[in-house]
Amino acid sequence: QVRLEESGGGLVQAGGSLRLSCAASGRGFSTYTMGWFRVAPGKEREFVASISWIGVSTSYADSAKDRFTISRDNVMNTMSLYMNDLKPEDTAVYFCAATRRSLPLPTEASEYNYWGQGTQVTVSS
């Protein structure tokens, strides 16, 4: 079992950047595929990005491509989401998640077993 905790959210102006972090505790972090999801006001949870257990393979939602970068550090048991050129529509609570599923990288929330509590990202126009 793995426990996840997000950090790094906040208020930023449009065009700005943020780095979200997900710290994992428990056993076997390096064996989990990790993902980021978000829930915007009035919307359902949506996939943002995922990364394979070794960090070689990544997958991004169309909304995140070319602006967001997912990475992980299996020594420090952390995962990050670097978000650039943020837009007001990126405003959401961001969640990190873990799953034992591997390739193809899962993009559905139902495929993930462990979740953090979320961190708020607010982008002002």
N, C-alpha and C. Protein backbone atom coordinates (compact mmCIF):
# COMPACT_ATOMS: atom_id res chain seq x y z
N GLN A 1 0.84 -1.18 0.00
CA GLN A 1 0.00 0.00 0.00
C GLN A 1 0.88 1.24 0.00
N VAL A 2 0.43 2.29 -0.67
CA VAL A 2 1.17 3.53 -0.73
C VAL A 2 0.25 4.67 -0.33
N ARG A 3 0.78 5.61 0.40
CA ARG A 3 0.04 6.81 0.81
C ARG A 3 0.63 8.00 0.08
N LEU A 4 -0.26 8.87 -0.39
CA LEU A 4 0.15 9.97 -1.25
C LEU A 4 -0.26 11.31 -0.67
N GLU A 5 0.60 12.30 -0.84
CA GLU A 5 0.29 13.65 -0.36
C GLU A 5 0.79 14.67 -1.35
N GLU A 6 -0.12 15.49 -1.85
CA GLU A 6 0.23 16.52 -2.82
C GLU A 6 0.62 17.83 -2.12
N SER A 7 1.40 18.62 -2.81
CA SER A 7 1.76 19.96 -2.34
C SER A 7 2.11 20.81 -3.55
N GLY A 8 2.20 22.10 -3.34
CA GLY A 8 2.65 22.99 -4.39
C GLY A 8 1.57 23.79 -5.08
N GLY A 9 0.33 23.55 -4.73
CA GLY A 9 -0.73 24.33 -5.35
C GLY A 9 -0.71 25.77 -4.87
N GLY A 10 -1.52 26.61 -5.51
CA GLY A 10 -1.59 28.00 -5.11
C GLY A 10 -2.29 28.84 -6.14
N LEU A 11 -2.15 30.15 -5.97
CA LEU A 11 -2.75 31.11 -6.88
C LEU A 11 -1.67 31.67 -7.80
N VAL A 12 -1.94 31.67 -9.09
CA VAL A 12 -0.97 32.16 -10.06
C VAL A 12 -1.71 32.89 -11.17
N GLN A 13 -1.06 33.84 -11.77
CA GLN A 13 -1.66 34.56 -12.89
C GLN A 13 -1.55 33.75 -14.17
N ALA A 14 -2.44 34.01 -15.07
CA ALA A 14 -2.39 33.34 -16.37
C ALA A 14 -1.03 33.58 -17.01
N GLY A 15 -0.50 32.52 -17.60
CA GLY A 15 0.83 32.57 -18.19
C GLY A 15 1.94 32.17 -17.24
N GLY A 16 1.60 32.04 -15.98
CA GLY A 16 2.59 31.67 -14.97
C GLY A 16 2.83 30.18 -14.90
N SER A 17 3.65 29.79 -13.92
CA SER A 17 4.03 28.39 -13.77
C SER A 17 3.87 27.95 -12.32
N LEU A 18 3.65 26.66 -12.16
CA LEU A 18 3.62 26.04 -10.85
C LEU A 18 4.23 24.66 -10.95
N ARG A 19 4.78 24.21 -9.83
CA ARG A 19 5.25 22.84 -9.75
C ARG A 19 4.49 22.14 -8.64
N LEU A 20 3.78 21.10 -8.99
CA LEU A 20 3.10 20.28 -8.00
C LEU A 20 3.98 19.09 -7.65
N SER A 21 3.95 18.71 -6.39
CA SER A 21 4.69 17.54 -5.94
C SER A 21 3.76 16.54 -5.29
N CYS A 22 4.13 15.29 -5.39
CA CYS A 22 3.39 14.21 -4.75
C CYS A 22 4.41 13.37 -4.00
N ALA A 23 4.28 13.35 -2.69
CA ALA A 23 5.19 12.56 -1.86
C ALA A 23 4.51 11.25 -1.48
N ALA A 24 5.22 10.16 -1.65
CA ALA A 24 4.66 8.84 -1.36
C ALA A 24 5.35 8.22 -0.15
N SER A 25 4.56 7.58 0.67
CA SER A 25 5.11 6.81 1.78
C SER A 25 4.51 5.41 1.73
N GLY A 26 5.18 4.48 2.35
CA GLY A 26 4.77 3.10 2.24
C GLY A 26 5.74 2.35 1.37
N ARG A 27 5.38 1.14 1.03
CA ARG A 27 6.31 0.29 0.31
C ARG A 27 6.06 0.29 -1.19
N GLY A 28 7.15 0.19 -1.93
CA GLY A 28 7.05 -0.12 -3.34
C GLY A 28 6.69 1.02 -4.27
N PHE A 29 7.01 2.24 -3.91
CA PHE A 29 6.66 3.38 -4.80
C PHE A 29 7.14 3.14 -6.22
N SER A 30 8.34 2.63 -6.37
CA SER A 30 8.94 2.47 -7.70
C SER A 30 8.23 1.43 -8.54
N THR A 31 7.33 0.67 -7.97
CA THR A 31 6.60 -0.34 -8.72
C THR A 31 5.24 0.14 -9.19
N TYR A 32 4.88 1.37 -8.86
CA TYR A 32 3.58 1.91 -9.23
C TYR A 32 3.67 2.83 -10.44
N THR A 33 2.72 2.70 -11.34
CA THR A 33 2.46 3.75 -12.32
C THR A 33 1.77 4.89 -11.58
N MET A 34 2.19 6.12 -11.88
CA MET A 34 1.65 7.28 -11.18
C MET A 34 0.92 8.19 -12.16
N GLY A 35 -0.06 8.90 -11.64
CA GLY A 35 -0.82 9.80 -12.50
C GLY A 35 -1.25 11.06 -11.77
N TRP A 36 -1.59 12.05 -12.55
CA TRP A 36 -2.20 13.30 -12.05
C TRP A 36 -3.58 13.43 -12.69
N PHE A 37 -4.53 13.80 -11.85
CA PHE A 37 -5.88 14.09 -12.29
C PHE A 37 -6.28 15.43 -11.71
N ARG A 38 -7.36 15.99 -12.23
CA ARG A 38 -7.86 17.24 -11.68
C ARG A 38 -9.38 17.28 -11.72
N VAL A 39 -9.92 18.05 -10.80
CA VAL A 39 -11.37 18.27 -10.74
C VAL A 39 -11.59 19.77 -10.74
N ALA A 40 -12.16 20.26 -11.83
CA ALA A 40 -12.49 21.68 -11.94
C ALA A 40 -13.89 21.92 -11.39
N PRO A 41 -14.18 23.14 -10.99
CA PRO A 41 -15.52 23.43 -10.44
C PRO A 41 -16.62 23.02 -11.40
N GLY A 42 -17.54 22.23 -10.91
CA GLY A 42 -18.68 21.81 -11.72
C GLY A 42 -18.38 20.76 -12.76
N LYS A 43 -17.17 20.20 -12.72
CA LYS A 43 -16.80 19.21 -13.72
C LYS A 43 -16.38 17.90 -13.06
N GLU A 44 -16.30 16.87 -13.88
CA GLU A 44 -15.87 15.58 -13.38
C GLU A 44 -14.34 15.49 -13.37
N ARG A 45 -13.86 14.51 -12.63
CA ARG A 45 -12.42 14.28 -12.57
C ARG A 45 -11.90 13.95 -13.95
N GLU A 46 -10.78 14.58 -14.32
CA GLU A 46 -10.22 14.31 -15.63
C GLU A 46 -8.73 14.03 -15.53
N PHE A 47 -8.29 13.20 -16.42
CA PHE A 47 -6.90 12.80 -16.51
C PHE A 47 -6.04 13.98 -16.97
N VAL A 48 -4.84 14.10 -16.38
CA VAL A 48 -3.89 15.13 -16.78
C VAL A 48 -2.64 14.50 -17.39
N ALA A 49 -2.00 13.60 -16.63
CA ALA A 49 -0.76 12.99 -17.09
C ALA A 49 -0.47 11.73 -16.28
N SER A 50 0.32 10.84 -16.86
CA SER A 50 0.75 9.65 -16.14
C SER A 50 2.17 9.32 -16.52
N ILE A 51 2.81 8.51 -15.68
CA ILE A 51 4.21 8.15 -15.90
C ILE A 51 4.42 6.72 -15.43
N SER A 52 5.20 5.97 -16.21
CA SER A 52 5.44 4.57 -15.89
C SER A 52 6.31 4.44 -14.66
N TRP A 53 6.40 3.22 -14.14
CA TRP A 53 7.10 3.00 -12.87
C TRP A 53 8.56 3.40 -12.94
N ILE A 54 9.18 3.25 -14.12
CA ILE A 54 10.59 3.59 -14.24
C ILE A 54 10.78 5.00 -14.79
N GLY A 55 9.67 5.62 -15.20
CA GLY A 55 9.74 7.00 -15.66
C GLY A 55 10.06 7.18 -17.13
N VAL A 56 10.14 6.09 -17.87
CA VAL A 56 10.51 6.21 -19.28
C VAL A 56 9.30 6.60 -20.13
N SER A 57 8.15 6.04 -19.81
CA SER A 57 6.94 6.31 -20.60
C SER A 57 6.06 7.33 -19.89
N THR A 58 5.52 8.25 -20.67
CA THR A 58 4.59 9.24 -20.13
C THR A 58 3.40 9.38 -21.07
N SER A 59 2.32 9.89 -20.51
CA SER A 59 1.11 10.14 -21.29
C SER A 59 0.48 11.43 -20.80
N TYR A 60 -0.05 12.22 -21.72
CA TYR A 60 -0.64 13.51 -21.36
C TYR A 60 -2.00 13.68 -22.00
N ALA A 61 -2.87 14.35 -21.29
CA ALA A 61 -4.12 14.79 -21.88
C ALA A 61 -3.79 15.87 -22.91
N ASP A 62 -4.65 16.02 -23.90
CA ASP A 62 -4.41 17.05 -24.92
C ASP A 62 -4.26 18.43 -24.30
N SER A 63 -5.00 18.68 -23.24
CA SER A 63 -4.95 19.99 -22.58
C SER A 63 -3.62 20.25 -21.90
N ALA A 64 -2.87 19.18 -21.63
CA ALA A 64 -1.60 19.31 -20.90
C ALA A 64 -0.38 19.22 -21.81
N LYS A 65 -0.56 18.69 -22.99
CA LYS A 65 0.58 18.53 -23.89
C LYS A 65 1.24 19.86 -24.18
N ASP A 66 2.54 19.87 -24.21
CA ASP A 66 3.38 21.03 -24.55
C ASP A 66 3.40 22.09 -23.46
N ARG A 67 2.61 21.90 -22.39
CA ARG A 67 2.64 22.87 -21.30
C ARG A 67 3.04 22.23 -19.97
N PHE A 68 2.65 20.97 -19.76
CA PHE A 68 2.92 20.28 -18.50
C PHE A 68 3.97 19.20 -18.72
N THR A 69 4.74 18.93 -17.68
CA THR A 69 5.73 17.85 -17.72
C THR A 69 5.64 17.05 -16.42
N ILE A 70 5.46 15.75 -16.58
CA ILE A 70 5.41 14.86 -15.41
C ILE A 70 6.76 14.19 -15.25
N SER A 71 7.18 14.02 -14.01
CA SER A 71 8.44 13.34 -13.74
C SER A 71 8.35 12.64 -12.39
N ARG A 72 9.29 11.77 -12.11
CA ARG A 72 9.31 11.07 -10.84
C ARG A 72 10.73 10.82 -10.40
N ASP A 73 10.89 10.65 -9.10
CA ASP A 73 12.19 10.32 -8.51
C ASP A 73 11.97 9.12 -7.59
N ASN A 74 12.39 7.96 -8.05
CA ASN A 74 12.13 6.74 -7.30
C ASN A 74 13.06 6.57 -6.10
N VAL A 75 14.07 7.41 -6.01
CA VAL A 75 14.93 7.40 -4.82
C VAL A 75 14.27 8.21 -3.70
N MET A 76 13.72 9.36 -4.06
CA MET A 76 13.07 10.23 -3.09
C MET A 76 11.59 9.91 -2.90
N ASN A 77 11.08 8.97 -3.70
CA ASN A 77 9.66 8.61 -3.63
C ASN A 77 8.74 9.81 -3.88
N THR A 78 9.05 10.54 -4.91
CA THR A 78 8.24 11.70 -5.25
C THR A 78 7.90 11.72 -6.73
N MET A 79 6.85 12.43 -7.02
CA MET A 79 6.45 12.67 -8.41
C MET A 79 6.13 14.15 -8.53
N SER A 80 6.39 14.72 -9.69
CA SER A 80 6.15 16.14 -9.87
C SER A 80 5.35 16.39 -11.15
N LEU A 81 4.68 17.51 -11.16
CA LEU A 81 4.01 18.00 -12.36
C LEU A 81 4.41 19.46 -12.53
N TYR A 82 5.20 19.71 -13.57
CA TYR A 82 5.60 21.07 -13.88
C TYR A 82 4.57 21.64 -14.85
N MET A 83 3.95 22.73 -14.46
CA MET A 83 2.89 23.33 -15.26
C MET A 83 3.33 24.72 -15.71
N ASN A 84 3.39 24.91 -17.01
CA ASN A 84 3.79 26.20 -17.59
C ASN A 84 2.64 26.78 -18.38
N ASP A 85 2.74 28.09 -18.65
CA ASP A 85 1.73 28.79 -19.44
C ASP A 85 0.32 28.45 -18.94
N LEU A 86 0.13 28.59 -17.65
CA LEU A 86 -1.15 28.23 -17.06
C LEU A 86 -2.27 29.14 -17.54
N LYS A 87 -3.45 28.54 -17.67
CA LYS A 87 -4.64 29.25 -18.16
C LYS A 87 -5.73 29.18 -17.09
N PRO A 88 -6.66 30.12 -17.11
CA PRO A 88 -7.75 30.06 -16.13
C PRO A 88 -8.47 28.72 -16.13
N GLU A 89 -8.57 28.08 -17.28
CA GLU A 89 -9.25 26.79 -17.35
C GLU A 89 -8.47 25.66 -16.69
N ASP A 90 -7.24 25.93 -16.27
CA ASP A 90 -6.47 24.93 -15.51
C ASP A 90 -6.84 24.97 -14.02
N THR A 91 -7.65 25.92 -13.62
CA THR A 91 -8.08 26.01 -12.23
C THR A 91 -8.82 24.74 -11.84
N ALA A 92 -8.34 24.09 -10.79
CA ALA A 92 -8.91 22.81 -10.36
C ALA A 92 -8.19 22.35 -9.10
N VAL A 93 -8.75 21.32 -8.49
CA VAL A 93 -8.03 20.59 -7.46
C VAL A 93 -7.29 19.46 -8.16
N TYR A 94 -6.00 19.39 -7.92
CA TYR A 94 -5.16 18.40 -8.58
C TYR A 94 -4.85 17.26 -7.61
N PHE A 95 -4.99 16.04 -8.11
CA PHE A 95 -4.77 14.84 -7.32
C PHE A 95 -3.68 13.99 -7.94
N CYS A 96 -2.84 13.41 -7.10
CA CYS A 96 -1.94 12.37 -7.60
C CYS A 96 -2.54 11.01 -7.24
N ALA A 97 -2.20 10.04 -8.04
CA ALA A 97 -2.78 8.72 -7.89
C ALA A 97 -1.77 7.65 -8.28
N ALA A 98 -1.96 6.45 -7.76
CA ALA A 98 -1.05 5.34 -8.02
C ALA A 98 -1.83 4.10 -8.41
N THR A 99 -1.22 3.31 -9.29
CA THR A 99 -1.84 2.07 -9.72
C THR A 99 -0.77 1.03 -10.02
N ARG A 100 -1.14 -0.24 -9.90
CA ARG A 100 -0.23 -1.32 -10.27
C ARG A 100 -0.28 -1.60 -11.78
N ARG A 101 -1.28 -1.05 -12.46
CA ARG A 101 -1.36 -1.25 -13.90
C ARG A 101 -0.15 -0.60 -14.56
N SER A 102 0.29 -1.23 -15.66
CA SER A 102 1.46 -0.69 -16.35
C SER A 102 1.07 -0.23 -17.74
N LEU A 103 1.74 -0.73 -18.75
CA LEU A 103 1.50 -0.27 -20.11
C LEU A 103 0.33 -1.02 -20.75
N PRO A 104 -0.48 -0.36 -21.54
CA PRO A 104 -0.46 1.08 -21.82
C PRO A 104 -0.82 1.88 -20.57
N LEU A 105 -0.25 3.06 -20.43
CA LEU A 105 -0.45 3.85 -19.23
C LEU A 105 -1.93 4.16 -19.03
N PRO A 106 -2.44 3.87 -17.86
CA PRO A 106 -3.87 4.09 -17.61
C PRO A 106 -4.20 5.57 -17.53
N THR A 107 -5.35 5.92 -18.09
CA THR A 107 -5.80 7.31 -18.11
C THR A 107 -7.17 7.49 -17.46
N GLU A 108 -7.76 6.40 -17.00
CA GLU A 108 -9.06 6.46 -16.35
C GLU A 108 -8.88 6.43 -14.84
N ALA A 109 -9.64 7.28 -14.15
CA ALA A 109 -9.53 7.34 -12.70
C ALA A 109 -9.83 5.99 -12.06
N SER A 110 -10.73 5.25 -12.65
CA SER A 110 -11.11 3.95 -12.09
C SER A 110 -9.97 2.95 -12.11
N GLU A 111 -8.93 3.22 -12.87
CA GLU A 111 -7.80 2.30 -12.96
C GLU A 111 -6.78 2.54 -11.85
N TYR A 112 -6.96 3.58 -11.09
CA TYR A 112 -6.02 3.93 -10.02
C TYR A 112 -6.59 3.54 -8.66
N ASN A 113 -5.72 3.02 -7.81
CA ASN A 113 -6.16 2.48 -6.53
C ASN A 113 -5.92 3.41 -5.34
N TYR A 114 -4.91 4.25 -5.44
CA TYR A 114 -4.54 5.10 -4.30
C TYR A 114 -4.53 6.55 -4.73
N TRP A 115 -5.03 7.40 -3.84
CA TRP A 115 -5.19 8.81 -4.15
C TRP A 115 -4.71 9.68 -2.99
N GLY A 116 -4.19 10.85 -3.37
CA GLY A 116 -3.90 11.86 -2.37
C GLY A 116 -5.14 12.68 -2.08
N GLN A 117 -4.98 13.68 -1.22
CA GLN A 117 -6.12 14.48 -0.79
C GLN A 117 -6.37 15.67 -1.71
N GLY A 118 -5.42 15.96 -2.59
CA GLY A 118 -5.59 17.03 -3.55
C GLY A 118 -4.96 18.34 -3.12
N THR A 119 -4.61 19.14 -4.11
CA THR A 119 -4.07 20.47 -3.87
C THR A 119 -4.72 21.44 -4.87
N GLN A 120 -5.11 22.61 -4.37
CA GLN A 120 -5.85 23.57 -5.18
C GLN A 120 -4.89 24.39 -6.04
N VAL A 121 -5.23 24.49 -7.31
CA VAL A 121 -4.53 25.39 -8.23
C VAL A 121 -5.56 26.38 -8.77
N THR A 122 -5.27 27.65 -8.60
CA THR A 122 -6.16 28.70 -9.09
C THR A 122 -5.37 29.62 -10.01
N VAL A 123 -5.86 29.77 -11.23
CA VAL A 123 -5.20 30.61 -12.22
C VAL A 123 -6.11 31.81 -12.50
N SER A 124 -5.62 32.98 -12.22
CA SER A 124 -6.40 34.20 -12.42
C SER A 124 -6.11 34.78 -13.80
N SER A 125 -7.12 35.39 -14.37
CA SER A 125 -6.96 35.97 -15.71
C SER A 125 -6.46 37.40 -15.65
